[in-house]
């Protein structure tokens, strides 16, 4: 999406900076992408673009995406090519990262240390299906809780990144964070001593009013007491509908910033 957008936009892909030439441009970035690549953040309006019109066309063709004839003609002719690394119009420009996913995890780790609990940061670049990533995190937490490996209890396990929800059922509600949590809760099987929070750092999980939710050792038991079967809600992509009746949604309101997803598992 970023590659295509950079070649169809009047400001993305370095064009904003080029239009500012010969003025010197200083870019302050808040990263919401795994890896913190400046040319990907907001589709890089002030930095050179390493992708090409041919790359954009290949993406459109691969996914069978139709675009207006004039847009396709511009890509095919190369008229929409973006400014590249080494372009002298970027000389003297500066790029500074002022907030990143890694910084959010480091801040949480500092809070854990202050509370006397050892933190472990897995990665700030995790990707994949939300429910599957949830299962992997659950397996790690169960290993810590049951066998003390690879970390000793008590500990806090942190991760960030941008997972994916493949919607297979209409009518369900929920975003990446809650689907991660539902997959995690099912895999945890009520493991004692494991508490999980996952949330979008912008305060909105998908298009809902919550940032995420929490999972506790009695999550599944409380759901069963209300006649809810966790797997049915997961199959329906309805994680919001699962956590809402339990009172376990996290609703802080918009944070007005975004450094991607945030996940924390406390194992005591």
C-alpha atoms as a PDB file:
ATOM      1  CA  UNK A   1       0.000   0.000   0.000  1.00  0.00           C
ATOM      2  CA  UNK A   2       2.792   2.423   0.865  1.00  0.00           C
ATOM      3  CA  UNK A   3       4.626   1.683  -2.367  1.00  0.00           C
ATOM      4  CA  UNK A   4       1.571   2.355  -4.521  1.00  0.00           C
ATOM      5  CA  UNK A   5       0.573   5.420  -2.532  1.00  0.00           C
ATOM      6  CA  UNK A   6       4.029   6.959  -2.831  1.00  0.00           C
ATOM      7  CA  UNK A   7       3.760   6.887  -6.616  1.00  0.00           C
ATOM      8  CA  UNK A   8       0.227   8.273  -6.844  1.00  0.00           C
ATOM      9  CA  UNK A   9       0.454  11.027  -4.233  1.00  0.00           C
ATOM     10  CA  UNK A  10       1.581  14.597  -4.763  1.00  0.00           C
ATOM     11  CA  UNK A  11       3.315  14.704  -1.361  1.00  0.00           C
ATOM     12  CA  UNK A  12       4.230  11.104  -0.417  1.00  0.00           C
ATOM     13  CA  UNK A  13       7.440   9.374  -1.413  1.00  0.00           C
ATOM     14  CA  UNK A  14       9.662  12.402  -0.798  1.00  0.00           C
ATOM     15  CA  UNK A  15       7.662  14.825  -2.914  1.00  0.00           C
ATOM     16  CA  UNK A  16       6.818  17.134  -0.016  1.00  0.00           C
ATOM     17  CA  UNK A  17      10.513  17.711   0.672  1.00  0.00           C
ATOM     18  CA  UNK A  18      11.254  18.162  -3.033  1.00  0.00           C
ATOM     19  CA  UNK A  19       8.545  20.801  -3.242  1.00  0.00           C
ATOM     20  CA  UNK A  20      10.199  22.581  -0.305  1.00  0.00           C
ATOM     21  CA  UNK A  21      13.575  22.807  -2.080  1.00  0.00           C
ATOM     22  CA  UNK A  22      15.876  24.596  -1.660  1.00  0.00           C
ATOM     23  CA  UNK A  23      14.671  24.949   1.939  1.00  0.00           C
ATOM     24  CA  UNK A  24      16.274  22.655   4.515  1.00  0.00           C
ATOM     25  CA  UNK A  25      13.789  20.132   5.944  1.00  0.00           C
ATOM     26  CA  UNK A  26      13.932  18.659   9.445  1.00  0.00           C
ATOM     27  CA  UNK A  27      11.618  15.647   9.933  1.00  0.00           C
ATOM     28  CA  UNK A  28      10.401  14.562  13.371  1.00  0.00           C
ATOM     29  CA  UNK A  29       8.941  11.059  13.180  1.00  0.00           C
ATOM     30  CA  UNK A  30       6.584   9.037  15.357  1.00  0.00           C
ATOM     31  CA  UNK A  31       6.934   5.477  14.111  1.00  0.00           C
ATOM     32  CA  UNK A  32       3.915   3.221  13.720  1.00  0.00           C
ATOM     33  CA  UNK A  33       5.602   0.581  11.558  1.00  0.00           C
ATOM     34  CA  UNK A  34       7.796  -2.432  12.352  1.00  0.00           C
ATOM     35  CA  UNK A  35      11.441  -1.555  11.761  1.00  0.00           C
ATOM     36  CA  UNK A  36      10.924   2.231  11.909  1.00  0.00           C
ATOM     37  CA  UNK A  37      11.877   2.753   8.236  1.00  0.00           C
ATOM     38  CA  UNK A  38      11.444   6.508   7.554  1.00  0.00           C
ATOM     39  CA  UNK A  39      10.316   5.943   3.961  1.00  0.00           C
ATOM     40  CA  UNK A  40       7.459   3.721   5.169  1.00  0.00           C
ATOM     41  CA  UNK A  41       6.201   5.939   8.018  1.00  0.00           C
ATOM     42  CA  UNK A  42       3.317   8.000   6.584  1.00  0.00           C
ATOM     43  CA  UNK A  43       4.603   6.848   3.172  1.00  0.00           C
ATOM     44  CA  UNK A  44       7.709   9.009   3.602  1.00  0.00           C
ATOM     45  CA  UNK A  45       6.691  12.490   2.418  1.00  0.00           C
ATOM     46  CA  UNK A  46      10.058  14.049   3.313  1.00  0.00           C
ATOM     47  CA  UNK A  47      12.564  11.256   2.588  1.00  0.00           C
ATOM     48  CA  UNK A  48      13.820   9.605  -0.617  1.00  0.00           C
ATOM     49  CA  UNK A  49      11.927   6.581  -1.936  1.00  0.00           C
ATOM     50  CA  UNK A  50      13.753   3.382  -2.898  1.00  0.00           C
ATOM     51  CA  UNK A  51      10.718   1.789  -4.582  1.00  0.00           C
ATOM     52  CA  UNK A  52       9.806   2.288  -8.240  1.00  0.00           C
ATOM     53  CA  UNK A  53       6.800   2.651 -10.502  1.00  0.00           C
ATOM     54  CA  UNK A  54       7.494  -0.904 -11.655  1.00  0.00           C
ATOM     55  CA  UNK A  55       7.227  -2.070  -8.042  1.00  0.00           C
ATOM     56  CA  UNK A  56       3.881  -0.317  -7.670  1.00  0.00           C
ATOM     57  CA  UNK A  57       2.558  -1.870 -10.881  1.00  0.00           C
ATOM     58  CA  UNK A  58       3.677  -5.330  -9.784  1.00  0.00           C
ATOM     59  CA  UNK A  59       1.740  -4.941  -6.526  1.00  0.00           C
ATOM     60  CA  UNK A  60      -1.393  -3.782  -8.322  1.00  0.00           C
ATOM     61  CA  UNK A  61      -1.167  -6.674 -10.764  1.00  0.00           C
ATOM     62  CA  UNK A  62      -0.460  -9.233  -8.062  1.00  0.00           C
ATOM     63  CA  UNK A  63      -3.620  -8.347  -6.154  1.00  0.00           C
ATOM     64  CA  UNK A  64      -5.772  -7.556  -9.177  1.00  0.00           C
ATOM     65  CA  UNK A  65      -6.381  -3.949  -8.101  1.00  0.00           C
ATOM     66  CA  UNK A  66      -7.926  -1.698 -10.720  1.00  0.00           C
ATOM     67  CA  UNK A  67      -6.928   1.990 -10.809  1.00  0.00           C
ATOM     68  CA  UNK A  68      -8.009   4.831 -13.129  1.00  0.00           C
ATOM     69  CA  UNK A  69      -6.465   4.670 -16.629  1.00  0.00           C
ATOM     70  CA  UNK A  70      -4.623   7.962 -16.106  1.00  0.00           C
ATOM     71  CA  UNK A  71      -2.993   6.603 -12.923  1.00  0.00           C
ATOM     72  CA  UNK A  72      -1.936   3.382 -14.627  1.00  0.00           C
ATOM     73  CA  UNK A  73      -0.557   5.327 -17.609  1.00  0.00           C
ATOM     74  CA  UNK A  74       1.543   7.464 -15.272  1.00  0.00           C
ATOM     75  CA  UNK A  75       3.005   4.394 -13.616  1.00  0.00           C
ATOM     76  CA  UNK A  76       3.645   2.560 -16.880  1.00  0.00           C
ATOM     77  CA  UNK A  77       5.387   5.547 -18.475  1.00  0.00           C
ATOM     78  CA  UNK A  78       7.453   6.334 -15.385  1.00  0.00           C
ATOM     79  CA  UNK A  79       6.011   9.841 -15.215  1.00  0.00           C
ATOM     80  CA  UNK A  80       5.015   9.211 -11.603  1.00  0.00           C
ATOM     81  CA  UNK A  81       8.478   8.105 -10.496  1.00  0.00           C
ATOM     82  CA  UNK A  82       9.389   9.293  -6.999  1.00  0.00           C
ATOM     83  CA  UNK A  83      12.661  11.038  -6.009  1.00  0.00           C
ATOM     84  CA  UNK A  84      15.384   8.549  -5.130  1.00  0.00           C
ATOM     85  CA  UNK A  85      18.241   8.298  -2.591  1.00  0.00           C
ATOM     86  CA  UNK A  86      21.109  10.506  -3.675  1.00  0.00           C
ATOM     87  CA  UNK A  87      18.865  13.209  -5.094  1.00  0.00           C
ATOM     88  CA  UNK A  88      20.651  16.509  -4.283  1.00  0.00           C
ATOM     89  CA  UNK A  89      17.371  18.116  -3.263  1.00  0.00           C
ATOM     90  CA  UNK A  90      17.577  16.105  -0.009  1.00  0.00           C
ATOM     91  CA  UNK A  91      21.053  17.409   0.845  1.00  0.00           C
ATOM     92  CA  UNK A  92      21.298  18.760   4.390  1.00  0.00           C
ATOM     93  CA  UNK A  93      17.945  17.343   5.481  1.00  0.00           C
ATOM     94  CA  UNK A  94      17.640  15.736   8.919  1.00  0.00           C
ATOM     95  CA  UNK A  95      15.417  12.919  10.202  1.00  0.00           C
ATOM     96  CA  UNK A  96      14.835  12.339  13.922  1.00  0.00           C
ATOM     97  CA  UNK A  97      12.790   9.583  15.576  1.00  0.00           C
ATOM     98  CA  UNK A  98      10.979  11.089  18.566  1.00  0.00           C
ATOM     99  CA  UNK A  99       8.728   8.126  19.450  1.00  0.00           C
ATOM    100  CA  UNK A 100       9.019   4.462  18.443  1.00  0.00           C
ATOM    101  CA  UNK A 101       7.546   1.075  19.387  1.00  0.00           C
ATOM    102  CA  UNK A 102      10.830   0.151  21.072  1.00  0.00           C
ATOM    103  CA  UNK A 103      10.619   3.234  23.286  1.00  0.00           C
ATOM    104  CA  UNK A 104       7.135   2.239  24.467  1.00  0.00           C
ATOM    105  CA  UNK A 105       8.409  -1.218  25.421  1.00  0.00           C
ATOM    106  CA  UNK A 106      11.482   0.224  27.156  1.00  0.00           C
ATOM    107  CA  UNK A 107       9.227   2.567  29.162  1.00  0.00           C
ATOM    108  CA  UNK A 108       7.077  -0.362  30.277  1.00  0.00           C
ATOM    109  CA  UNK A 109      10.203  -2.332  31.158  1.00  0.00           C
ATOM    110  CA  UNK A 110      11.356   0.544  33.366  1.00  0.00           C
ATOM    111  CA  UNK A 111       8.025   0.489  35.223  1.00  0.00           C
ATOM    112  CA  UNK A 112       8.407  -3.263  35.795  1.00  0.00           C
ATOM    113  CA  UNK A 113      11.934  -2.857  37.146  1.00  0.00           C
ATOM    114  CA  UNK A 114      10.760  -0.127  39.496  1.00  0.00           C
ATOM    115  CA  UNK A 115       8.206  -2.614  40.839  1.00  0.00           C
ATOM    116  CA  UNK A 116      10.920  -5.208  41.392  1.00  0.00           C
ATOM    117  CA  UNK A 117       9.885  -7.435  38.456  1.00  0.00           C
ATOM    118  CA  UNK A 118      12.320  -8.449  35.737  1.00  0.00           C
ATOM    119  CA  UNK A 119      11.147  -7.452  32.217  1.00  0.00           C
ATOM    120  CA  UNK A 120      11.970  -9.204  28.957  1.00  0.00           C
ATOM    121  CA  UNK A 121      11.401  -7.519  25.594  1.00  0.00           C
ATOM    122  CA  UNK A 122      10.823 -10.105  22.863  1.00  0.00           C
ATOM    123  CA  UNK A 123      10.645  -7.773  19.849  1.00  0.00           C
ATOM    124  CA  UNK A 124       9.036  -4.577  18.605  1.00  0.00           C
ATOM    125  CA  UNK A 125       8.628  -6.012  15.089  1.00  0.00           C
ATOM    126  CA  UNK A 126       6.292  -8.990  15.576  1.00  0.00           C
ATOM    127  CA  UNK A 127       3.931  -9.704  12.702  1.00  0.00           C
ATOM    128  CA  UNK A 128       1.540 -12.505  11.727  1.00  0.00           C
ATOM    129  CA  UNK A 129      -2.050 -13.533  12.412  1.00  0.00           C
ATOM    130  CA  UNK A 130      -3.145 -12.006  15.721  1.00  0.00           C
ATOM    131  CA  UNK A 131      -4.645 -15.216  17.089  1.00  0.00           C
ATOM    132  CA  UNK A 132      -1.541 -17.229  16.184  1.00  0.00           C
ATOM    133  CA  UNK A 133       0.787 -14.688  17.759  1.00  0.00           C
ATOM    134  CA  UNK A 134      -1.464 -14.928  20.833  1.00  0.00           C
ATOM    135  CA  UNK A 135      -0.972 -18.700  20.943  1.00  0.00           C
ATOM    136  CA  UNK A 136       2.807 -18.316  20.745  1.00  0.00           C
ATOM    137  CA  UNK A 137       2.822 -15.808  23.599  1.00  0.00           C
ATOM    138  CA  UNK A 138       0.604 -18.143  25.642  1.00  0.00           C
ATOM    139  CA  UNK A 139       2.967 -21.067  25.087  1.00  0.00           C
ATOM    140  CA  UNK A 140       5.881 -18.964  26.296  1.00  0.00           C
ATOM    141  CA  UNK A 141       3.982 -17.783  29.385  1.00  0.00           C
ATOM    142  CA  UNK A 142       2.900 -21.342  30.247  1.00  0.00           C
ATOM    143  CA  UNK A 143       6.505 -22.515  29.999  1.00  0.00           C
ATOM    144  CA  UNK A 144       7.606 -19.751  32.363  1.00  0.00           C
ATOM    145  CA  UNK A 145       4.754 -20.472  34.801  1.00  0.00           C
ATOM    146  CA  UNK A 146       5.149 -24.245  34.806  1.00  0.00           C
ATOM    147  CA  UNK A 147       8.855 -24.841  34.295  1.00  0.00           C
ATOM    148  CA  UNK A 148      10.606 -21.525  34.912  1.00  0.00           C
ATOM    149  CA  UNK A 149      12.002 -21.474  31.386  1.00  0.00           C
ATOM    150  CA  UNK A 150      13.181 -19.571  29.455  1.00  0.00           C
ATOM    151  CA  UNK A 151      12.579 -16.921  32.142  1.00  0.00           C
ATOM    152  CA  UNK A 152      12.213 -17.165  35.910  1.00  0.00           C
ATOM    153  CA  UNK A 153       9.083 -15.979  37.699  1.00  0.00           C
ATOM    154  CA  UNK A 154       8.034 -13.317  38.464  1.00  0.00           C
ATOM    155  CA  UNK A 155       8.615 -11.571  35.181  1.00  0.00           C
ATOM    156  CA  UNK A 156       7.021  -9.320  32.597  1.00  0.00           C
ATOM    157  CA  UNK A 157       7.153 -10.302  28.920  1.00  0.00           C
ATOM    158  CA  UNK A 158       6.765  -7.440  26.447  1.00  0.00           C
ATOM    159  CA  UNK A 159       6.300  -7.303  22.696  1.00  0.00           C
ATOM    160  CA  UNK A 160       5.218  -4.918  19.974  1.00  0.00           C
ATOM    161  CA  UNK A 161       4.727  -4.900  16.236  1.00  0.00           C
ATOM    162  CA  UNK A 162       1.752  -5.060  13.922  1.00  0.00           C
ATOM    163  CA  UNK A 163      -0.249  -8.259  13.664  1.00  0.00           C
ATOM    164  CA  UNK A 164      -3.039  -9.048  11.207  1.00  0.00           C
ATOM    165  CA  UNK A 165      -6.663 -10.150  11.473  1.00  0.00           C
ATOM    166  CA  UNK A 166      -7.979 -12.139   8.524  1.00  0.00           C
ATOM    167  CA  UNK A 167     -11.723 -11.578   8.711  1.00  0.00           C
ATOM    168  CA  UNK A 168     -13.609 -14.756   7.840  1.00  0.00           C
ATOM    169  CA  UNK A 169     -16.980 -13.993   9.401  1.00  0.00           C
ATOM    170  CA  UNK A 170     -19.269 -11.002   8.907  1.00  0.00           C
ATOM    171  CA  UNK A 171     -20.756  -9.172  11.863  1.00  0.00           C
ATOM    172  CA  UNK A 172     -17.899  -9.725  14.295  1.00  0.00           C
ATOM    173  CA  UNK A 173     -16.301  -6.848  16.176  1.00  0.00           C
ATOM    174  CA  UNK A 174     -12.764  -6.338  17.388  1.00  0.00           C
ATOM    175  CA  UNK A 175      -9.276  -5.471  16.223  1.00  0.00           C
ATOM    176  CA  UNK A 176      -5.766  -6.868  16.389  1.00  0.00           C
ATOM    177  CA  UNK A 177      -5.364  -6.519  20.144  1.00  0.00           C
ATOM    178  CA  UNK A 178      -8.564  -8.275  21.205  1.00  0.00           C
ATOM    179  CA  UNK A 179      -8.153 -11.073  18.658  1.00  0.00           C
ATOM    180  CA  UNK A 180      -4.613 -11.607  19.954  1.00  0.00           C
ATOM    181  CA  UNK A 181      -5.984 -11.801  23.485  1.00  0.00           C
ATOM    182  CA  UNK A 182      -8.756 -14.247  22.653  1.00  0.00           C
ATOM    183  CA  UNK A 183      -6.310 -16.577  20.927  1.00  0.00           C
ATOM    184  CA  UNK A 184      -3.975 -16.180  23.896  1.00  0.00           C
ATOM    185  CA  UNK A 185      -6.717 -16.868  26.461  1.00  0.00           C
ATOM    186  CA  UNK A 186      -7.777 -20.084  24.732  1.00  0.00           C
ATOM    187  CA  UNK A 187      -4.185 -21.308  24.559  1.00  0.00           C
ATOM    188  CA  UNK A 188      -3.452 -20.354  28.184  1.00  0.00           C
ATOM    189  CA  UNK A 189      -6.259 -22.664  29.355  1.00  0.00           C
ATOM    190  CA  UNK A 190      -6.707 -20.685  32.559  1.00  0.00           C
ATOM    191  CA  UNK A 191      -3.033 -20.957  33.509  1.00  0.00           C
ATOM    192  CA  UNK A 192      -2.669 -19.695  37.110  1.00  0.00           C
ATOM    193  CA  UNK A 193      -0.433 -16.686  37.625  1.00  0.00           C
ATOM    194  CA  UNK A 194      -0.596 -15.336  34.053  1.00  0.00           C
ATOM    195  CA  UNK A 195      -2.188 -11.962  33.326  1.00  0.00           C
ATOM    196  CA  UNK A 196      -2.154 -10.397  29.853  1.00  0.00           C
ATOM    197  CA  UNK A 197      -2.865  -6.941  28.440  1.00  0.00           C
ATOM    198  CA  UNK A 198      -2.788  -6.024  24.763  1.00  0.00           C
ATOM    199  CA  UNK A 199      -3.718  -2.648  23.319  1.00  0.00           C
ATOM    200  CA  UNK A 200      -3.246  -0.358  20.360  1.00  0.00           C
ATOM    201  CA  UNK A 201      -1.146   2.596  21.460  1.00  0.00           C
ATOM    202  CA  UNK A 202      -3.445   5.058  19.685  1.00  0.00           C
ATOM    203  CA  UNK A 203      -6.245   4.039  22.067  1.00  0.00           C
ATOM    204  CA  UNK A 204      -8.411   2.469  19.350  1.00  0.00           C
ATOM    205  CA  UNK A 205      -8.382  -1.242  18.499  1.00  0.00           C
ATOM    206  CA  UNK A 206      -9.445  -1.330  14.866  1.00  0.00           C
ATOM    207  CA  UNK A 207     -12.573   0.822  14.651  1.00  0.00           C
ATOM    208  CA  UNK A 208     -13.945   0.168  18.136  1.00  0.00           C
ATOM    209  CA  UNK A 209     -14.027   2.379  21.240  1.00  0.00           C
ATOM    210  CA  UNK A 210     -11.478   0.295  23.140  1.00  0.00           C
ATOM    211  CA  UNK A 211      -7.704   0.151  22.937  1.00  0.00           C
ATOM    212  CA  UNK A 212      -7.656  -3.541  23.838  1.00  0.00           C
ATOM    213  CA  UNK A 213      -8.525  -5.772  26.772  1.00  0.00           C
ATOM    214  CA  UNK A 214      -7.078  -7.915  29.552  1.00  0.00           C
ATOM    215  CA  UNK A 215      -6.925 -11.660  30.164  1.00  0.00           C
ATOM    216  CA  UNK A 216      -6.768 -13.155  33.674  1.00  0.00           C
ATOM    217  CA  UNK A 217      -6.521 -16.749  34.875  1.00  0.00           C
ATOM    218  CA  UNK A 218     -10.308 -16.879  35.320  1.00  0.00           C
ATOM    219  CA  UNK A 219     -11.245 -15.322  31.953  1.00  0.00           C
ATOM    220  CA  UNK A 220     -12.446 -18.557  30.380  1.00  0.00           C
ATOM    221  CA  UNK A 221     -14.282 -19.639  33.541  1.00  0.00           C
ATOM    222  CA  UNK A 222     -16.135 -16.325  33.766  1.00  0.00           C
ATOM    223  CA  UNK A 223     -17.057 -16.575  30.089  1.00  0.00           C
ATOM    224  CA  UNK A 224     -18.356 -20.110  30.521  1.00  0.00           C
ATOM    225  CA  UNK A 225     -20.472 -18.964  33.464  1.00  0.00           C
ATOM    226  CA  UNK A 226     -22.170 -16.551  31.050  1.00  0.00           C
ATOM    227  CA  UNK A 227     -22.702 -19.289  28.477  1.00  0.00           C
ATOM    228  CA  UNK A 228     -20.001 -17.996  26.136  1.00  0.00           C
ATOM    229  CA  UNK A 229     -17.697 -20.367  24.257  1.00  0.00           C
ATOM    230  CA  UNK A 230     -14.399 -18.648  23.495  1.00  0.00           C
ATOM    231  CA  UNK A 231     -13.650 -20.617  20.331  1.00  0.00           C
ATOM    232  CA  UNK A 232     -17.006 -19.683  18.794  1.00  0.00           C
ATOM    233  CA  UNK A 233     -16.272 -16.000  19.340  1.00  0.00           C
ATOM    234  CA  UNK A 234     -12.801 -16.409  17.827  1.00  0.00           C
ATOM    235  CA  UNK A 235     -14.220 -18.236  14.798  1.00  0.00           C
ATOM    236  CA  UNK A 236     -16.642 -15.325  14.337  1.00  0.00           C
ATOM    237  CA  UNK A 237     -13.887 -12.678  14.616  1.00  0.00           C
ATOM    238  CA  UNK A 238     -15.910 -11.297  17.527  1.00  0.00           C
ATOM    239  CA  UNK A 239     -13.305 -10.738  20.225  1.00  0.00           C
ATOM    240  CA  UNK A 240     -14.922  -7.437  21.235  1.00  0.00           C
ATOM    241  CA  UNK A 241     -18.200  -9.276  21.815  1.00  0.00           C
ATOM    242  CA  UNK A 242     -16.354 -11.753  24.036  1.00  0.00           C
ATOM    243  CA  UNK A 243     -14.540  -9.300  26.300  1.00  0.00           C
ATOM    244  CA  UNK A 244     -17.265  -6.647  26.582  1.00  0.00           C
ATOM    245  CA  UNK A 245     -19.713  -8.725  28.706  1.00  0.00           C
ATOM    246  CA  UNK A 246     -16.823  -9.702  30.986  1.00  0.00           C
ATOM    247  CA  UNK A 247     -16.025  -6.051  31.684  1.00  0.00           C
ATOM    248  CA  UNK A 248     -12.463  -6.663  30.520  1.00  0.00           C
ATOM    249  CA  UNK A 249     -12.163  -4.108  27.712  1.00  0.00           C
ATOM    250  CA  UNK A 250      -9.552  -1.374  28.146  1.00  0.00           C
ATOM    251  CA  UNK A 251     -11.079   1.971  27.111  1.00  0.00           C
ATOM    252  CA  UNK A 252      -8.636   4.861  27.712  1.00  0.00           C
ATOM    253  CA  UNK A 253      -9.880   7.001  24.829  1.00  0.00           C
ATOM    254  CA  UNK A 254      -7.676   8.269  21.972  1.00  0.00           C
ATOM    255  CA  UNK A 255      -4.055   8.878  22.957  1.00  0.00           C
ATOM    256  CA  UNK A 256      -3.367  11.112  19.918  1.00  0.00           C
ATOM    257  CA  UNK A 257      -0.201   9.226  19.070  1.00  0.00           C
ATOM    258  CA  UNK A 258       0.594   5.825  17.627  1.00  0.00           C
ATOM    259  CA  UNK A 259       3.642   3.634  18.098  1.00  0.00           C
ATOM    260  CA  UNK A 260       1.959   0.421  17.027  1.00  0.00           C
ATOM    261  CA  UNK A 261       0.693  -2.466  19.165  1.00  0.00           C
ATOM    262  CA  UNK A 262       1.629  -3.055  22.802  1.00  0.00           C
ATOM    263  CA  UNK A 263       1.477  -6.421  24.573  1.00  0.00           C
ATOM    264  CA  UNK A 264       2.459  -7.348  28.113  1.00  0.00           C
ATOM    265  CA  UNK A 265       2.269 -10.670  29.983  1.00  0.00           C
ATOM    266  CA  UNK A 266       2.789 -10.744  33.736  1.00  0.00           C
ATOM    267  CA  UNK A 267       3.788 -14.170  35.074  1.00  0.00           C
ATOM    268  CA  UNK A 268       3.839 -14.469  38.879  1.00  0.00           C
END
